[in-house]
Amino acid sequence: MIDMFSLLLSHSLLLLAFWRLRSRDDLDDEAEPGMAHRARGFARQSDEG
């Protein structure tokens, strides 16, 4: 029972990580290497100020 639980948990977490990585927009970004990527969310700093 513990073996099945540990296998299910580890594979579920791997699947969740893969799914979250696939949904990222910057993975399919074909910008030039010198171009900076625009941060999203809290990482983005406002241009005001």
PDB file of N, CA and C in Angstrom:
ATOM      1  N   MET A   1       0.823  -1.197   0.000  1.00  0.00           N
ATOM      2  CA  MET A   1       0.000   0.000   0.000  1.00  0.00           C
ATOM      3  C   MET A   1       0.870   1.266   0.000  1.00  0.00           C
ATOM      4  N   ILE A   2       1.918   1.279   0.812  1.00  0.00           N
ATOM      5  CA  ILE A   2       2.808   2.441   0.871  1.00  0.00           C
ATOM      6  C   ILE A   2       3.551   2.605  -0.448  1.00  0.00           C
ATOM      7  N   ASP A   3       3.942   1.484  -1.054  1.00  0.00           N
ATOM      8  CA  ASP A   3       4.656   1.559  -2.330  1.00  0.00           C
ATOM      9  C   ASP A   3       3.785   2.188  -3.414  1.00  0.00           C
ATOM     10  N   MET A   4       2.529   1.791  -3.472  1.00  0.00           N
ATOM     11  CA  MET A   4       1.626   2.356  -4.471  1.00  0.00           C
ATOM     12  C   MET A   4       1.385   3.842  -4.201  1.00  0.00           C
ATOM     13  N   PHE A   5       1.260   4.199  -2.929  1.00  0.00           N
ATOM     14  CA  PHE A   5       1.060   5.603  -2.587  1.00  0.00           C
ATOM     15  C   PHE A   5       2.266   6.443  -2.991  1.00  0.00           C
ATOM     16  N   SER A   6       3.460   5.959  -2.713  1.00  0.00           N
ATOM     17  CA  SER A   6       4.660   6.734  -3.051  1.00  0.00           C
ATOM     18  C   SER A   6       4.835   6.838  -4.562  1.00  0.00           C
ATOM     19  N   LEU A   7       4.528   5.783  -5.293  1.00  0.00           N
ATOM     20  CA  LEU A   7       4.597   5.852  -6.754  1.00  0.00           C
ATOM     21  C   LEU A   7       3.562   6.824  -7.310  1.00  0.00           C
ATOM     22  N   LEU A   8       2.355   6.755  -6.788  1.00  0.00           N
ATOM     23  CA  LEU A   8       1.300   7.652  -7.252  1.00  0.00           C
ATOM     24  C   LEU A   8       1.636   9.107  -6.926  1.00  0.00           C
ATOM     25  N   LEU A   9       2.134   9.350  -5.734  1.00  0.00           N
ATOM     26  CA  LEU A   9       2.479  10.714  -5.336  1.00  0.00           C
ATOM     27  C   LEU A   9       3.614  11.278  -6.182  1.00  0.00           C
ATOM     28  N   SER A  10       4.674  10.514  -6.361  1.00  0.00           N
ATOM     29  CA  SER A  10       5.817  11.025  -7.122  1.00  0.00           C
ATOM     30  C   SER A  10       5.460  11.254  -8.587  1.00  0.00           C
ATOM     31  N   HIS A  11       4.722  10.337  -9.180  1.00  0.00           N
ATOM     32  CA  HIS A  11       4.345  10.511 -10.580  1.00  0.00           C
ATOM     33  C   HIS A  11       3.330  11.638 -10.751  1.00  0.00           C
ATOM     34  N   SER A  12       2.467  11.817  -9.783  1.00  0.00           N
ATOM     35  CA  SER A  12       1.511  12.926  -9.853  1.00  0.00           C
ATOM     36  C   SER A  12       2.231  14.267  -9.778  1.00  0.00           C
ATOM     37  N   LEU A  13       3.233  14.361  -8.917  1.00  0.00           N
ATOM     38  CA  LEU A  13       3.986  15.611  -8.819  1.00  0.00           C
ATOM     39  C   LEU A  13       4.793  15.882 -10.082  1.00  0.00           C
ATOM     40  N   LEU A  14       5.352  14.841 -10.677  1.00  0.00           N
ATOM     41  CA  LEU A  14       6.064  15.018 -11.945  1.00  0.00           C
ATOM     42  C   LEU A  14       5.113  15.476 -13.046  1.00  0.00           C
ATOM     43  N   LEU A  15       3.930  14.895 -13.093  1.00  0.00           N
ATOM     44  CA  LEU A  15       2.935  15.286 -14.089  1.00  0.00           C
ATOM     45  C   LEU A  15       2.486  16.728 -13.869  1.00  0.00           C
ATOM     46  N   LEU A  16       2.301  17.121 -12.626  1.00  0.00           N
ATOM     47  CA  LEU A  16       1.923  18.498 -12.320  1.00  0.00           C
ATOM     48  C   LEU A  16       3.016  19.478 -12.739  1.00  0.00           C
ATOM     49  N   ALA A  17       4.266  19.154 -12.468  1.00  0.00           N
ATOM     50  CA  ALA A  17       5.378  20.022 -12.867  1.00  0.00           C
ATOM     51  C   ALA A  17       5.463  20.131 -14.388  1.00  0.00           C
ATOM     52  N   PHE A  18       5.299  19.016 -15.088  1.00  0.00           N
ATOM     53  CA  PHE A  18       5.327  19.036 -16.551  1.00  0.00           C
ATOM     54  C   PHE A  18       4.193  19.884 -17.101  1.00  0.00           C
ATOM     55  N   TRP A  19       2.998  19.734 -16.536  1.00  0.00           N
ATOM     56  CA  TRP A  19       1.835  20.478 -17.003  1.00  0.00           C
ATOM     57  C   TRP A  19       2.027  21.979 -16.783  1.00  0.00           C
ATOM     58  N   ARG A  20       2.590  22.364 -15.629  1.00  0.00           N
ATOM     59  CA  ARG A  20       2.829  23.781 -15.363  1.00  0.00           C
ATOM     60  C   ARG A  20       3.907  24.348 -16.271  1.00  0.00           C
ATOM     61  N   LEU A  21       4.930  23.566 -16.577  1.00  0.00           N
ATOM     62  CA  LEU A  21       5.970  24.038 -17.490  1.00  0.00           C
ATOM     63  C   LEU A  21       5.434  24.191 -18.909  1.00  0.00           C
ATOM     64  N   ARG A  22       4.570  23.279 -19.334  1.00  0.00           N
ATOM     65  CA  ARG A  22       4.004  23.357 -20.682  1.00  0.00           C
ATOM     66  C   ARG A  22       3.109  24.575 -20.858  1.00  0.00           C
ATOM     67  N   SER A  23       2.506  25.053 -19.778  1.00  0.00           N
ATOM     68  CA  SER A  23       1.579  26.175 -19.897  1.00  0.00           C
ATOM     69  C   SER A  23       2.285  27.528 -19.854  1.00  0.00           C
ATOM     70  N   ARG A  24       3.592  27.555 -19.679  1.00  0.00           N
ATOM     71  CA  ARG A  24       4.335  28.821 -19.640  1.00  0.00           C
ATOM     72  C   ARG A  24       4.480  29.392 -21.046  1.00  0.00           C
ATOM     73  N   ASP A  25       4.276  30.693 -21.167  1.00  0.00           N
ATOM     74  CA  ASP A  25       4.381  31.350 -22.469  1.00  0.00           C
ATOM     75  C   ASP A  25       5.827  31.533 -22.906  1.00  0.00           C
ATOM     76  N   ASP A  26       6.735  31.724 -21.974  1.00  0.00           N
ATOM     77  CA  ASP A  26       8.112  32.020 -22.353  1.00  0.00           C
ATOM     78  C   ASP A  26       8.885  30.789 -22.806  1.00  0.00           C
ATOM     79  N   LEU A  27       8.323  29.604 -22.699  1.00  0.00           N
ATOM     80  CA  LEU A  27       8.998  28.420 -23.221  1.00  0.00           C
ATOM     81  C   LEU A  27       8.974  28.392 -24.744  1.00  0.00           C
ATOM     82  N   ASP A  28       7.923  28.942 -25.321  1.00  0.00           N
ATOM     83  CA  ASP A  28       7.788  28.935 -26.772  1.00  0.00           C
ATOM     84  C   ASP A  28       8.136  30.307 -27.349  1.00  0.00           C
ATOM     85  N   ASP A  29       9.020  31.016 -26.698  1.00  0.00           N
ATOM     86  CA  ASP A  29       9.410  32.357 -27.115  1.00  0.00           C
ATOM     87  C   ASP A  29      10.617  32.263 -28.039  1.00  0.00           C
ATOM     88  N   GLU A  30      10.493  32.825 -29.229  1.00  0.00           N
ATOM     89  CA  GLU A  30      11.573  32.749 -30.198  1.00  0.00           C
ATOM     90  C   GLU A  30      12.269  34.096 -30.344  1.00  0.00           C
ATOM     91  N   ALA A  31      12.396  34.816 -29.256  1.00  0.00           N
ATOM     92  CA  ALA A  31      13.063  36.116 -29.273  1.00  0.00           C
ATOM     93  C   ALA A  31      14.565  35.921 -29.427  1.00  0.00           C
ATOM     94  N   GLU A  32      15.219  36.955 -29.913  1.00  0.00           N
ATOM     95  CA  GLU A  32      16.673  36.914 -30.059  1.00  0.00           C
ATOM     96  C   GLU A  32      17.324  36.706 -28.693  1.00  0.00           C
ATOM     97  N   PRO A  33      18.491  36.079 -28.642  1.00  0.00           N
ATOM     98  CA  PRO A  33      19.143  35.856 -27.345  1.00  0.00           C
ATOM     99  C   PRO A  33      19.467  37.143 -26.593  1.00  0.00           C
ATOM    100  N   GLY A  34      19.719  38.232 -27.291  1.00  0.00           N
ATOM    101  CA  GLY A  34      20.049  39.488 -26.635  1.00  0.00           C
ATOM    102  C   GLY A  34      18.843  40.241 -26.101  1.00  0.00           C
ATOM    103  N   MET A  35      17.660  39.874 -26.539  1.00  0.00           N
ATOM    104  CA  MET A  35      16.459  40.577 -26.108  1.00  0.00           C
ATOM    105  C   MET A  35      16.045  40.103 -24.720  1.00  0.00           C
ATOM    106  N   ALA A  36      15.656  41.040 -23.885  1.00  0.00           N
ATOM    107  CA  ALA A  36      15.205  40.694 -22.529  1.00  0.00           C
ATOM    108  C   ALA A  36      13.743  40.268 -22.582  1.00  0.00           C
ATOM    109  N   HIS A  37      13.405  39.293 -21.799  1.00  0.00           N
ATOM    110  CA  HIS A  37      12.018  38.855 -21.699  1.00  0.00           C
ATOM    111  C   HIS A  37      11.304  39.731 -20.683  1.00  0.00           C
ATOM    112  N   ARG A  38      10.062  40.007 -20.953  1.00  0.00           N
ATOM    113  CA  ARG A  38       9.293  40.847 -20.051  1.00  0.00           C
ATOM    114  C   ARG A  38       8.764  39.995 -18.902  1.00  0.00           C
ATOM    115  N   ALA A  39       9.046  40.411 -17.705  1.00  0.00           N
ATOM    116  CA  ALA A  39       8.596  39.671 -16.529  1.00  0.00           C
ATOM    117  C   ALA A  39       7.090  39.831 -16.364  1.00  0.00           C
ATOM    118  N   ARG A  40       6.467  38.806 -15.783  1.00  0.00           N
ATOM    119  CA  ARG A  40       5.032  38.849 -15.550  1.00  0.00           C
ATOM    120  C   ARG A  40       4.757  38.842 -14.057  1.00  0.00           C
ATOM    121  N   GLY A  41       3.589  39.318 -13.700  1.00  0.00           N
ATOM    122  CA  GLY A  41       3.149  39.229 -12.319  1.00  0.00           C
ATOM    123  C   GLY A  41       3.914  40.140 -11.382  1.00  0.00           C
ATOM    124  N   PHE A  42       4.268  39.597 -10.207  1.00  0.00           N
ATOM    125  CA  PHE A  42       4.943  40.394  -9.185  1.00  0.00           C
ATOM    126  C   PHE A  42       6.365  40.749  -9.583  1.00  0.00           C
ATOM    127  N   ALA A  43       6.969  40.004 -10.488  1.00  0.00           N
ATOM    128  CA  ALA A  43       8.348  40.270 -10.888  1.00  0.00           C
ATOM    129  C   ALA A  43       8.447  41.518 -11.758  1.00  0.00           C
ATOM    130  N   ARG A  44       7.344  41.918 -12.368  1.00  0.00           N
ATOM    131  CA  ARG A  44       7.358  43.078 -13.249  1.00  0.00           C
ATOM    132  C   ARG A  44       7.410  44.355 -12.421  1.00  0.00           C
ATOM    133  N   GLN A  45       8.298  45.245 -12.788  1.00  0.00           N
ATOM    134  CA  GLN A  45       8.384  46.532 -12.109  1.00  0.00           C
ATOM    135  C   GLN A  45       7.721  47.574 -12.993  1.00  0.00           C
ATOM    136  N   SER A  46       7.011  48.474 -12.370  1.00  0.00           N
ATOM    137  CA  SER A  46       6.302  49.485 -13.153  1.00  0.00           C
ATOM    138  C   SER A  46       7.286  50.494 -13.730  1.00  0.00           C
ATOM    139  N   ASP A  47       6.902  51.075 -14.865  1.00  0.00           N
ATOM    140  CA  ASP A  47       7.739  52.072 -15.522  1.00  0.00           C
ATOM    141  C   ASP A  47       7.563  53.447 -14.890  1.00  0.00           C
ATOM    142  N   GLU A  48       6.578  53.586 -14.001  1.00  0.00           N
ATOM    143  CA  GLU A  48       6.328  54.868 -13.356  1.00  0.00           C
ATOM    144  C   GLU A  48       7.265  55.044 -12.175  1.00  0.00           C
ATOM    145  N   GLY A  49       7.740  56.236 -11.988  1.00  0.00           N
ATOM    146  CA  GLY A  49       8.412  56.502 -10.753  1.00  0.00           C
ATOM    147  C   GLY A  49       9.822  56.680 -10.780  1.00  0.00           C
TER     148      GLY A  49
END
